[in-house]
Amino acid sequence: MNHIPLSNIKALLLDLDDTLYAYPLCHQAGYEACKALAQDKYGIAGSEFEYAWKTGRNRVHQDLHGQGASHSRLLYVQKASENLFGKSNPQFALDIEETYWRVFLDTMVFNPGVETFLQEAKDKGIKMCIVTDLTAQIQMRKWLKLDLGRYIDFLVTSEEAGVEKPGAYMFELAMEKLGVKAEECAMIGDSEEKDVKGAEALGIKAYKV
């Protein structure tokens, strides 16, 4: 991020997942822990779990496209449990979801250079807001794991906004919280479509990392 200029802006909008930390590494650790738990506690073979997870995830994405809840791991595994057991199994769903996020969060660390960049922005008096898809609770848990309150002022999730990036309201809500106009801020994220194009459509400078 050290190539991103911090002059002539009052605020930064920042994506969270795969921008401030490495999402794939955390996801894989959480997913493998879930697969092991499913086999050890519930006797579900790895291949069965993989198929049920994938099927459940795809159904949730289809049913809730464009909503923060479309990323809910609890809904993924609720659907998975119905595929595996032929009926809902809340204990299984809660066990798997808790394990996924516990291991995911245990694995999370800042990407190299991120903390230095955030500290520099803070030292310059630049206000910052996380603008992120997904549900509010888990994004707040990620915030706490990375101790983002040292640097970041506000959080906007797609669950709160009722729309996902590149939807305009995600960025508009962040600017409202920060009290800035489009020309006074910049967006940083890993997605060309969601972060960069979404921000630029509103006249916000945007940078892909």
C-alpha atoms as a PDB file:
ATOM      1  CA  MET A   1       0.000   0.000   0.000  1.00  0.00           C
ATOM      2  CA  ASN A   2       2.969   2.334   0.352  1.00  0.00           C
ATOM      3  CA  HIS A   3       2.570   3.386  -3.296  1.00  0.00           C
ATOM      4  CA  ILE A   4      -0.823   4.977  -2.585  1.00  0.00           C
ATOM      5  CA  PRO A   5      -0.609   8.765  -2.136  1.00  0.00           C
ATOM      6  CA  LEU A   6      -2.092  10.225   1.039  1.00  0.00           C
ATOM      7  CA  SER A   7      -1.897  13.866   0.033  1.00  0.00           C
ATOM      8  CA  ASN A   8      -4.989  15.974  -0.678  1.00  0.00           C
ATOM      9  CA  ILE A   9      -7.500  13.576   0.893  1.00  0.00           C
ATOM     10  CA  LYS A  10      -9.459  13.780   4.138  1.00  0.00           C
ATOM     11  CA  ALA A  11     -10.596  10.173   4.339  1.00  0.00           C
ATOM     12  CA  LEU A  12      -9.902   6.614   3.218  1.00  0.00           C
ATOM     13  CA  LEU A  13     -12.419   3.897   2.449  1.00  0.00           C
ATOM     14  CA  LEU A  14     -10.847   0.465   2.907  1.00  0.00           C
ATOM     15  CA  ASP A  15     -11.958  -3.007   1.914  1.00  0.00           C
ATOM     16  CA  LEU A  16     -11.207  -5.621   4.576  1.00  0.00           C
ATOM     17  CA  ASP A  17     -11.065  -9.160   3.169  1.00  0.00           C
ATOM     18  CA  ASP A  18      -7.980  -9.861   1.064  1.00  0.00           C
ATOM     19  CA  THR A  19      -6.963  -6.202   1.335  1.00  0.00           C
ATOM     20  CA  LEU A  20      -5.827  -5.861   4.944  1.00  0.00           C
ATOM     21  CA  TYR A  21      -5.144  -9.584   5.432  1.00  0.00           C
ATOM     22  CA  ALA A  22      -4.882 -12.752   3.306  1.00  0.00           C
ATOM     23  CA  TYR A  23      -8.395 -14.195   3.101  1.00  0.00           C
ATOM     24  CA  PRO A  24      -7.572 -17.476   1.231  1.00  0.00           C
ATOM     25  CA  LEU A  25      -5.100 -18.580   3.912  1.00  0.00           C
ATOM     26  CA  CYS A  26      -7.621 -17.998   6.705  1.00  0.00           C
ATOM     27  CA  HIS A  27     -10.484 -19.589   4.792  1.00  0.00           C
ATOM     28  CA  GLN A  28      -8.524 -22.734   4.017  1.00  0.00           C
ATOM     29  CA  ALA A  29      -7.468 -23.145   7.649  1.00  0.00           C
ATOM     30  CA  GLY A  30     -11.061 -22.749   8.835  1.00  0.00           C
ATOM     31  CA  TYR A  31     -12.474 -25.029   6.171  1.00  0.00           C
ATOM     32  CA  GLU A  32      -9.994 -27.850   6.869  1.00  0.00           C
ATOM     33  CA  ALA A  33     -10.777 -27.645  10.588  1.00  0.00           C
ATOM     34  CA  CYS A  34     -14.490 -27.998   9.784  1.00  0.00           C
ATOM     35  CA  LYS A  35     -13.865 -30.999   7.582  1.00  0.00           C
ATOM     36  CA  ALA A  36     -11.869 -32.677  10.354  1.00  0.00           C
ATOM     37  CA  LEU A  37     -14.577 -31.957  12.939  1.00  0.00           C
ATOM     38  CA  ALA A  38     -17.298 -33.324  10.650  1.00  0.00           C
ATOM     39  CA  GLN A  39     -15.390 -36.587  10.317  1.00  0.00           C
ATOM     40  CA  ASP A  40     -14.237 -36.930  13.939  1.00  0.00           C
ATOM     41  CA  LYS A  41     -17.503 -35.954  15.661  1.00  0.00           C
ATOM     42  CA  TYR A  42     -20.177 -36.783  13.095  1.00  0.00           C
ATOM     43  CA  GLY A  43     -18.588 -39.545  11.020  1.00  0.00           C
ATOM     44  CA  ILE A  44     -18.887 -37.624   7.746  1.00  0.00           C
ATOM     45  CA  ALA A  45     -16.242 -38.472   5.157  1.00  0.00           C
ATOM     46  CA  GLY A  46     -14.218 -35.606   3.744  1.00  0.00           C
ATOM     47  CA  SER A  47     -15.639 -35.978   0.246  1.00  0.00           C
ATOM     48  CA  GLU A  48     -19.209 -35.959   1.598  1.00  0.00           C
ATOM     49  CA  PHE A  49     -18.532 -32.818   3.587  1.00  0.00           C
ATOM     50  CA  GLU A  50     -16.914 -31.080   0.636  1.00  0.00           C
ATOM     51  CA  TYR A  51     -19.912 -31.795  -1.589  1.00  0.00           C
ATOM     52  CA  ALA A  52     -22.442 -30.721   1.050  1.00  0.00           C
ATOM     53  CA  TRP A  53     -20.536 -27.495   1.808  1.00  0.00           C
ATOM     54  CA  LYS A  54     -20.249 -26.596  -1.866  1.00  0.00           C
ATOM     55  CA  THR A  55     -23.897 -27.388  -2.547  1.00  0.00           C
ATOM     56  CA  GLY A  56     -25.059 -25.430   0.491  1.00  0.00           C
ATOM     57  CA  ARG A  57     -22.878 -22.445  -0.353  1.00  0.00           C
ATOM     58  CA  ASN A  58     -24.094 -22.353  -3.947  1.00  0.00           C
ATOM     59  CA  ARG A  59     -27.740 -22.488  -2.868  1.00  0.00           C
ATOM     60  CA  VAL A  60     -27.269 -19.631  -0.387  1.00  0.00           C
ATOM     61  CA  HIS A  61     -25.492 -17.548  -3.024  1.00  0.00           C
ATOM     62  CA  GLN A  62     -28.330 -18.215  -5.431  1.00  0.00           C
ATOM     63  CA  ASP A  63     -31.121 -17.447  -2.958  1.00  0.00           C
ATOM     64  CA  LEU A  64     -29.533 -14.377  -1.355  1.00  0.00           C
ATOM     65  CA  HIS A  65     -27.507 -12.897  -4.219  1.00  0.00           C
ATOM     66  CA  GLY A  66     -26.514  -9.297  -3.542  1.00  0.00           C
ATOM     67  CA  GLN A  67     -27.185  -9.479   0.201  1.00  0.00           C
ATOM     68  CA  GLY A  68     -24.698  -9.619   3.048  1.00  0.00           C
ATOM     69  CA  ALA A  69     -26.278 -12.867   4.283  1.00  0.00           C
ATOM     70  CA  SER A  70     -25.237 -14.567   1.034  1.00  0.00           C
ATOM     71  CA  HIS A  71     -21.819 -15.045   2.692  1.00  0.00           C
ATOM     72  CA  SER A  72     -23.163 -16.506   5.958  1.00  0.00           C
ATOM     73  CA  ARG A  73     -21.231 -19.633   6.877  1.00  0.00           C
ATOM     74  CA  LEU A  74     -24.045 -20.561   9.247  1.00  0.00           C
ATOM     75  CA  LEU A  75     -26.480 -20.642   6.341  1.00  0.00           C
ATOM     76  CA  TYR A  76     -23.977 -22.622   4.248  1.00  0.00           C
ATOM     77  CA  VAL A  77     -23.764 -25.331   6.889  1.00  0.00           C
ATOM     78  CA  GLN A  78     -27.483 -25.267   7.642  1.00  0.00           C
ATOM     79  CA  LYS A  79     -28.027 -26.207   3.994  1.00  0.00           C
ATOM     80  CA  ALA A  80     -25.138 -28.677   4.192  1.00  0.00           C
ATOM     81  CA  SER A  81     -26.671 -30.379   7.236  1.00  0.00           C
ATOM     82  CA  GLU A  82     -29.959 -30.794   5.395  1.00  0.00           C
ATOM     83  CA  ASN A  83     -28.104 -32.447   2.523  1.00  0.00           C
ATOM     84  CA  LEU A  84     -26.130 -34.698   4.859  1.00  0.00           C
ATOM     85  CA  PHE A  85     -28.831 -35.710   7.348  1.00  0.00           C
ATOM     86  CA  GLY A  86     -32.035 -35.243   5.356  1.00  0.00           C
ATOM     87  CA  LYS A  87     -33.246 -32.709   7.912  1.00  0.00           C
ATOM     88  CA  SER A  88     -32.027 -29.638   9.769  1.00  0.00           C
ATOM     89  CA  ASN A  89     -29.332 -30.259  12.378  1.00  0.00           C
ATOM     90  CA  PRO A  90     -28.751 -27.023  14.312  1.00  0.00           C
ATOM     91  CA  GLN A  91     -26.086 -28.569  16.550  1.00  0.00           C
ATOM     92  CA  PHE A  92     -24.014 -29.599  13.541  1.00  0.00           C
ATOM     93  CA  ALA A  93     -24.488 -26.206  11.880  1.00  0.00           C
ATOM     94  CA  LEU A  94     -23.458 -24.298  15.004  1.00  0.00           C
ATOM     95  CA  ASP A  95     -20.473 -26.593  15.701  1.00  0.00           C
ATOM     96  CA  ILE A  96     -19.140 -26.243  12.164  1.00  0.00           C
ATOM     97  CA  GLU A  97     -19.698 -22.484  11.932  1.00  0.00           C
ATOM     98  CA  GLU A  98     -18.072 -21.818  15.318  1.00  0.00           C
ATOM     99  CA  THR A  99     -15.068 -23.955  14.372  1.00  0.00           C
ATOM    100  CA  TYR A 100     -14.697 -22.257  11.002  1.00  0.00           C
ATOM    101  CA  TRP A 101     -14.581 -18.745  12.383  1.00  0.00           C
ATOM    102  CA  ARG A 102     -12.487 -19.633  15.446  1.00  0.00           C
ATOM    103  CA  VAL A 103      -9.722 -21.114  13.299  1.00  0.00           C
ATOM    104  CA  PHE A 104     -10.145 -18.421  10.636  1.00  0.00           C
ATOM    105  CA  LEU A 105      -9.645 -15.653  13.206  1.00  0.00           C
ATOM    106  CA  ASP A 106      -6.737 -17.471  14.868  1.00  0.00           C
ATOM    107  CA  THR A 107      -4.992 -17.470  11.474  1.00  0.00           C
ATOM    108  CA  MET A 108      -5.564 -13.777  10.672  1.00  0.00           C
ATOM    109  CA  VAL A 109      -2.630 -11.367  10.555  1.00  0.00           C
ATOM    110  CA  PHE A 110      -2.122  -8.105   8.694  1.00  0.00           C
ATOM    111  CA  ASN A 111      -0.633  -8.267   5.225  1.00  0.00           C
ATOM    112  CA  PRO A 112       2.930  -6.897   5.102  1.00  0.00           C
ATOM    113  CA  GLY A 113       3.056  -3.104   5.145  1.00  0.00           C
ATOM    114  CA  VAL A 114      -0.586  -2.594   6.071  1.00  0.00           C
ATOM    115  CA  GLU A 115      -0.037  -1.459   9.649  1.00  0.00           C
ATOM    116  CA  THR A 116       2.666   0.986   8.599  1.00  0.00           C
ATOM    117  CA  PHE A 117       0.332   2.458   5.980  1.00  0.00           C
ATOM    118  CA  LEU A 118      -2.580   2.754   8.400  1.00  0.00           C
ATOM    119  CA  GLN A 119      -0.384   4.415  11.007  1.00  0.00           C
ATOM    120  CA  GLU A 120       0.912   6.905   8.435  1.00  0.00           C
ATOM    121  CA  ALA A 121      -2.641   7.757   7.408  1.00  0.00           C
ATOM    122  CA  LYS A 122      -3.667   8.189  11.034  1.00  0.00           C
ATOM    123  CA  ASP A 123      -0.656  10.401  11.724  1.00  0.00           C
ATOM    124  CA  LYS A 124      -1.759  12.640   8.856  1.00  0.00           C
ATOM    125  CA  GLY A 125      -5.186  13.018  10.431  1.00  0.00           C
ATOM    126  CA  ILE A 126      -6.944  11.025   7.712  1.00  0.00           C
ATOM    127  CA  LYS A 127     -10.219   9.469   8.856  1.00  0.00           C
ATOM    128  CA  MET A 128     -10.857   5.884   7.777  1.00  0.00           C
ATOM    129  CA  CYS A 129     -13.827   3.575   7.244  1.00  0.00           C
ATOM    130  CA  ILE A 130     -13.940  -0.138   6.439  1.00  0.00           C
ATOM    131  CA  VAL A 131     -16.349  -0.803   3.534  1.00  0.00           C
ATOM    132  CA  THR A 132     -16.913  -4.537   3.359  1.00  0.00           C
ATOM    133  CA  ASP A 133     -19.312  -7.160   2.078  1.00  0.00           C
ATOM    134  CA  LEU A 134     -20.523  -9.855   4.517  1.00  0.00           C
ATOM    135  CA  THR A 135     -22.480  -9.853   7.756  1.00  0.00           C
ATOM    136  CA  ALA A 136     -21.864  -7.342  10.520  1.00  0.00           C
ATOM    137  CA  GLN A 137     -21.073  -9.693  13.397  1.00  0.00           C
ATOM    138  CA  ILE A 138     -18.169 -11.523  11.809  1.00  0.00           C
ATOM    139  CA  GLN A 139     -16.703  -8.370  10.313  1.00  0.00           C
ATOM    140  CA  MET A 140     -16.787  -6.847  13.794  1.00  0.00           C
ATOM    141  CA  ARG A 141     -14.997  -9.933  15.118  1.00  0.00           C
ATOM    142  CA  LYS A 142     -12.330  -9.488  12.436  1.00  0.00           C
ATOM    143  CA  TRP A 143     -12.063  -5.822  13.442  1.00  0.00           C
ATOM    144  CA  LEU A 144     -11.386  -6.863  17.040  1.00  0.00           C
ATOM    145  CA  LYS A 145      -8.889  -9.575  16.059  1.00  0.00           C
ATOM    146  CA  LEU A 146      -6.824  -7.075  14.068  1.00  0.00           C
ATOM    147  CA  ASP A 147      -7.451  -4.344  16.657  1.00  0.00           C
ATOM    148  CA  LEU A 148      -8.543  -2.002  13.879  1.00  0.00           C
ATOM    149  CA  GLY A 149      -9.840   0.546  16.357  1.00  0.00           C
ATOM    150  CA  ARG A 150      -6.259   1.759  16.686  1.00  0.00           C
ATOM    151  CA  TYR A 151      -6.558   3.175  13.183  1.00  0.00           C
ATOM    152  CA  ILE A 152     -10.099   2.954  11.783  1.00  0.00           C
ATOM    153  CA  ASP A 153     -13.016   5.200  12.714  1.00  0.00           C
ATOM    154  CA  PHE A 154     -16.044   3.493  11.158  1.00  0.00           C
ATOM    155  CA  LEU A 155     -17.350   0.239   9.686  1.00  0.00           C
ATOM    156  CA  VAL A 156     -19.879  -0.295   6.887  1.00  0.00           C
ATOM    157  CA  THR A 157     -21.001  -3.833   6.044  1.00  0.00           C
ATOM    158  CA  SER A 158     -23.230  -4.968   3.221  1.00  0.00           C
ATOM    159  CA  GLU A 159     -25.627  -6.366   5.823  1.00  0.00           C
ATOM    160  CA  GLU A 160     -25.990  -2.889   7.298  1.00  0.00           C
ATOM    161  CA  ALA A 161     -26.276  -1.186   3.912  1.00  0.00           C
ATOM    162  CA  GLY A 162     -28.658  -3.747   2.403  1.00  0.00           C
ATOM    163  CA  VAL A 163     -26.568  -3.898  -0.765  1.00  0.00           C
ATOM    164  CA  GLU A 164     -23.128  -5.200  -1.708  1.00  0.00           C
ATOM    165  CA  LYS A 165     -20.311  -3.432  -3.503  1.00  0.00           C
ATOM    166  CA  PRO A 166     -20.239  -2.054  -6.164  1.00  0.00           C
ATOM    167  CA  GLY A 167     -23.626  -0.719  -5.014  1.00  0.00           C
ATOM    168  CA  ALA A 168     -23.441   3.028  -4.538  1.00  0.00           C
ATOM    169  CA  TYR A 169     -25.011   3.063  -1.077  1.00  0.00           C
ATOM    170  CA  MET A 170     -22.065   1.164   0.438  1.00  0.00           C
ATOM    171  CA  PHE A 171     -19.770   4.064  -0.433  1.00  0.00           C
ATOM    172  CA  GLU A 172     -22.360   6.757   0.241  1.00  0.00           C
ATOM    173  CA  LEU A 173     -22.975   5.426   3.751  1.00  0.00           C
ATOM    174  CA  ALA A 174     -19.249   5.409   4.470  1.00  0.00           C
ATOM    175  CA  MET A 175     -18.892   8.998   3.283  1.00  0.00           C
ATOM    176  CA  GLU A 176     -21.894  10.007   5.391  1.00  0.00           C
ATOM    177  CA  LYS A 177     -20.302   8.499   8.496  1.00  0.00           C
ATOM    178  CA  LEU A 178     -16.973  10.165   7.744  1.00  0.00           C
ATOM    179  CA  GLY A 179     -18.555  13.509   6.841  1.00  0.00           C
ATOM    180  CA  VAL A 180     -16.704  13.821   3.524  1.00  0.00           C
ATOM    181  CA  LYS A 181     -17.505  14.262  -0.160  1.00  0.00           C
ATOM    182  CA  ALA A 182     -16.418  11.952  -2.967  1.00  0.00           C
ATOM    183  CA  GLU A 183     -13.610  14.244  -4.087  1.00  0.00           C
ATOM    184  CA  GLU A 184     -12.198  14.318  -0.553  1.00  0.00           C
ATOM    185  CA  CYS A 185     -11.585  10.576  -0.168  1.00  0.00           C
ATOM    186  CA  ALA A 186     -10.053   7.515  -1.784  1.00  0.00           C
ATOM    187  CA  MET A 187     -10.998   3.831  -1.876  1.00  0.00           C
ATOM    188  CA  ILE A 188      -8.554   0.929  -1.514  1.00  0.00           C
ATOM    189  CA  GLY A 189      -9.482  -2.679  -2.240  1.00  0.00           C
ATOM    190  CA  ASP A 190      -8.546  -5.902  -4.005  1.00  0.00           C
ATOM    191  CA  SER A 191     -11.480  -6.086  -6.452  1.00  0.00           C
ATOM    192  CA  GLU A 192     -11.450  -4.137  -9.707  1.00  0.00           C
ATOM    193  CA  GLU A 193     -15.205  -4.589 -10.144  1.00  0.00           C
ATOM    194  CA  LYS A 194     -16.445  -4.100  -6.599  1.00  0.00           C
ATOM    195  CA  ASP A 195     -13.949  -1.692  -5.056  1.00  0.00           C
ATOM    196  CA  VAL A 196     -12.407   0.280  -7.889  1.00  0.00           C
ATOM    197  CA  LYS A 197     -15.270   0.589 -10.356  1.00  0.00           C
ATOM    198  CA  GLY A 198     -17.832   0.954  -7.573  1.00  0.00           C
ATOM    199  CA  ALA A 199     -15.956   3.884  -6.069  1.00  0.00           C
ATOM    200  CA  GLU A 200     -15.031   5.519  -9.360  1.00  0.00           C
ATOM    201  CA  ALA A 201     -18.674   5.529 -10.438  1.00  0.00           C
ATOM    202  CA  LEU A 202     -19.250   8.042  -7.638  1.00  0.00           C
ATOM    203  CA  GLY A 203     -16.201  10.140  -8.418  1.00  0.00           C
ATOM    204  CA  ILE A 204     -14.032   8.608  -5.685  1.00  0.00           C
ATOM    205  CA  LYS A 205     -10.367   7.974  -6.453  1.00  0.00           C
ATOM    206  CA  ALA A 206      -9.693   4.248  -6.160  1.00  0.00           C
ATOM    207  CA  TYR A 207      -6.645   2.002  -5.914  1.00  0.00           C
ATOM    208  CA  LYS A 208      -6.394  -1.770  -6.343  1.00  0.00           C
ATOM    209  CA  VAL A 209      -3.995  -3.734  -4.133  1.00  0.00           C
END
